Each structure stands twice: as C-alpha cells, then as structure tokens.
Amino acid sequence: MLKWAVLGLLALLLLIQLVPYGRDHTNPTGGREIAWDSARTEELMRGACMDCHSNETEWPWYSNVAPVSWLVQNDVDEGRRRLNLSTGGADFDEMIETIEEGSMPPWQYKPAHPDARLSDRERQELIRGLRATFGSGGG
C-alpha cells in the first residue's frame, strides 16, 4: 500500500510539472535606477526585498519546480503589484511600517534567503538608509 502511495505521489509531482504557471521568469525591462544613499542600504534591500519588490528578481533553481514555482511566482507577482521600486510610486510610510513590524520580508522567504533574516540592528539600519535614499516623501 505504501509503495502505491509513493508511486502515486511521484506521478502527481511529475504531472504538475506540465502546468505552465510559475515558470515565466522574465523580468520587465526598463524602470528607474535607484540612487541608494549607501552600498549597505542597497545590500540590505537586495537581500531582503528586491526579489519581490523590483523588476530585478533573481530566480532560484527551485522556482522552476512545481508546486514551489507556483508559490514563488505568486509572491513575486503580488510583491510587484503592491510595491515595485523599479517603477516608482512607493508608499514610503507603508514600506517603513512593514519593515518595522517585521512583517516584511515574509516568513516563507527567509528559509532559502539568509540575507533576508534581518536582525533588529540591520532592520534599523535599513530604515535609516531608506529614509536617506527616498527622503521623507517616499517614492
């Protein structure tokens, strides 16, 4: 019985690879170049935020394997929809608030992205850098 269950699961995993969603890993071209206040602010943003909140997503190998590819694609699509720093129009206050409360980066992003696990000190450093980069008016 266990053998058939394992074979069935493997067959299902192979079948779901045929679903096309989650593999369109093209980043939109163009967009604005951000004049970061420091290399450190850019480093913190790239490690914790830019994969989902810019047009500069770095697609890891597992983003090609369903069902994980579906989750990654959804996170990037949703992240870009809510806040895309490549296109501007960021709500600065909301961006700072989500970083302060620790709701960004989200928990599901952190296991595979060690740079996204910001300490309290790094979180404050990032917020200071964002204020210096975008000013009090935001995007």
Protein backbone atom coordinates (compact mmCIF):
# COMPACT_ATOMS: atom_id res chain seq x y z
CA MET A 1 0.00 0.00 0.00
CA LEU A 2 2.79 2.45 0.92
CA LYS A 3 4.58 1.62 -2.34
CA TRP A 4 1.48 2.59 -4.37
CA ALA A 5 1.02 5.78 -2.40
CA VAL A 6 4.64 6.81 -3.06
CA LEU A 7 4.34 5.93 -6.76
CA GLY A 8 1.08 7.90 -6.97
CA LEU A 9 2.68 10.92 -5.32
CA LEU A 10 5.65 10.77 -7.69
CA ALA A 11 3.31 10.51 -10.68
CA LEU A 12 1.36 13.53 -9.42
CA LEU A 13 4.56 15.55 -8.95
CA LEU A 14 5.60 14.72 -12.50
CA LEU A 15 2.19 15.63 -13.88
CA ILE A 16 2.02 19.01 -12.20
CA GLN A 17 5.28 19.96 -13.93
CA LEU A 18 3.15 20.32 -17.08
CA VAL A 19 1.19 23.24 -15.59
CA PRO A 20 2.68 26.33 -17.28
CA TYR A 21 2.13 28.80 -14.41
CA GLY A 22 5.19 29.73 -12.38
CA ARG A 23 7.90 29.49 -15.00
CA ASP A 24 7.67 32.83 -16.77
CA HIS A 25 10.85 34.17 -15.25
CA THR A 26 11.31 37.24 -17.34
CA ASN A 27 11.96 40.49 -15.58
CA PRO A 28 10.33 43.56 -17.13
CA THR A 29 12.86 45.79 -18.83
CA GLY A 30 13.35 49.44 -18.11
CA GLY A 31 12.39 51.12 -14.92
CA ARG A 32 14.21 53.62 -12.86
CA GLU A 33 17.67 53.33 -11.38
CA ILE A 34 17.67 53.91 -7.64
CA ALA A 35 20.31 56.24 -6.25
CA TRP A 36 20.93 54.45 -2.95
CA ASP A 37 22.36 56.50 -0.11
CA SER A 38 24.97 53.79 0.52
CA ALA A 39 26.12 50.39 -0.67
CA ARG A 40 24.92 48.98 2.67
CA THR A 41 21.31 50.12 2.11
CA GLU A 42 21.38 48.57 -1.35
CA GLU A 43 22.87 45.34 0.06
CA LEU A 44 20.17 45.07 2.72
CA MET A 45 17.39 45.83 0.22
CA ARG A 46 18.71 43.33 -2.33
CA GLY A 47 18.99 40.62 0.30
CA ALA A 48 15.59 41.17 1.89
CA CYS A 49 13.27 42.95 -0.54
CA MET A 50 14.25 43.40 -4.16
CA ASP A 51 13.48 39.88 -5.43
CA CYS A 52 9.77 40.56 -4.96
CA HIS A 53 9.62 44.35 -4.95
CA SER A 54 11.51 45.23 -8.14
CA ASN A 55 11.96 44.15 -11.73
CA GLU A 56 15.36 42.70 -10.77
CA THR A 57 14.21 39.33 -9.42
CA GLU A 58 16.86 36.64 -9.15
CA TRP A 59 15.00 33.39 -9.88
CA PRO A 60 16.43 30.45 -7.88
CA TRP A 61 16.56 26.93 -9.34
CA TYR A 62 13.60 25.74 -7.26
CA SER A 63 11.40 28.40 -8.88
CA ASN A 64 11.27 26.04 -11.87
CA VAL A 65 9.79 23.09 -9.97
CA ALA A 66 6.05 22.92 -9.29
CA PRO A 67 4.39 23.37 -6.87
CA VAL A 68 7.11 25.61 -5.39
CA SER A 69 7.28 27.54 -8.68
CA TRP A 70 3.63 28.49 -8.24
CA LEU A 71 4.29 29.92 -4.78
CA VAL A 72 7.38 31.85 -5.88
CA GLN A 73 5.62 33.28 -8.95
CA ASN A 74 2.63 34.31 -6.85
CA ASP A 75 4.87 36.01 -4.24
CA VAL A 76 6.76 37.95 -6.93
CA ASP A 77 3.58 38.95 -8.78
CA GLU A 78 1.93 40.08 -5.53
CA GLY A 79 5.09 41.84 -4.31
CA ARG A 80 5.47 43.79 -7.54
CA ARG A 81 1.78 44.67 -7.55
CA ARG A 82 1.90 46.09 -4.02
CA LEU A 83 5.29 47.84 -4.27
CA ASN A 84 7.66 47.88 -7.22
CA LEU A 85 10.67 50.07 -6.59
CA SER A 86 11.68 49.77 -10.25
CA THR A 87 8.59 51.64 -11.36
CA GLY A 88 8.36 54.16 -8.51
CA GLY A 89 5.25 55.24 -6.72
CA ALA A 90 6.21 53.52 -3.49
CA ASP A 91 4.24 54.34 -0.35
CA PHE A 92 7.25 55.18 1.80
CA ASP A 93 5.39 55.21 5.12
CA GLU A 94 3.83 51.80 4.47
CA MET A 95 7.19 50.38 3.39
CA ILE A 96 8.85 51.58 6.61
CA GLU A 97 5.93 50.36 8.73
CA THR A 98 6.05 46.82 7.33
CA ILE A 99 9.80 46.63 7.92
CA GLU A 100 9.43 48.00 11.46
CA GLU A 101 6.72 45.49 12.40
CA GLY A 102 8.75 42.65 10.94
CA SER A 103 6.04 41.54 8.50
CA MET A 104 8.49 42.06 5.65
CA PRO A 105 10.27 40.10 4.48
CA PRO A 106 7.66 37.36 4.95
CA TRP A 107 8.45 34.16 6.84
CA GLN A 108 8.29 31.91 3.75
CA TYR A 109 11.06 33.90 2.05
CA LYS A 110 13.57 33.66 4.88
CA PRO A 111 14.50 29.92 4.94
CA ALA A 112 16.05 29.99 1.46
CA HIS A 113 17.37 33.58 1.74
CA PRO A 114 19.68 34.03 4.76
CA ASP A 115 20.27 37.70 3.86
CA ALA A 116 16.56 38.33 4.45
CA ARG A 117 16.81 37.40 8.13
CA LEU A 118 17.42 40.90 9.39
CA SER A 119 18.49 41.50 12.97
CA ASP A 120 16.93 44.40 14.85
CA ARG A 121 20.09 46.41 14.21
CA GLU A 122 20.00 45.64 10.47
CA ARG A 123 16.31 46.49 10.30
CA GLN A 124 17.00 49.92 11.86
CA GLU A 125 20.00 50.39 9.56
CA LEU A 126 17.77 49.62 6.56
CA ILE A 127 15.07 52.04 7.69
CA ARG A 128 17.65 54.83 8.16
CA GLY A 129 19.05 54.07 4.71
CA LEU A 130 15.62 54.11 3.10
CA ARG A 131 14.83 57.46 4.69
CA ALA A 132 18.12 58.83 3.38
CA THR A 133 17.53 57.35 -0.08
CA PHE A 134 13.89 58.32 -0.59
CA GLY A 135 13.57 61.27 1.80
CA SER A 136 10.51 61.81 3.94
CA GLY A 137 8.26 61.99 0.90
CA GLY A 138 8.87 58.43 -0.21
CA GLY A 139 8.88 57.10 -3.78
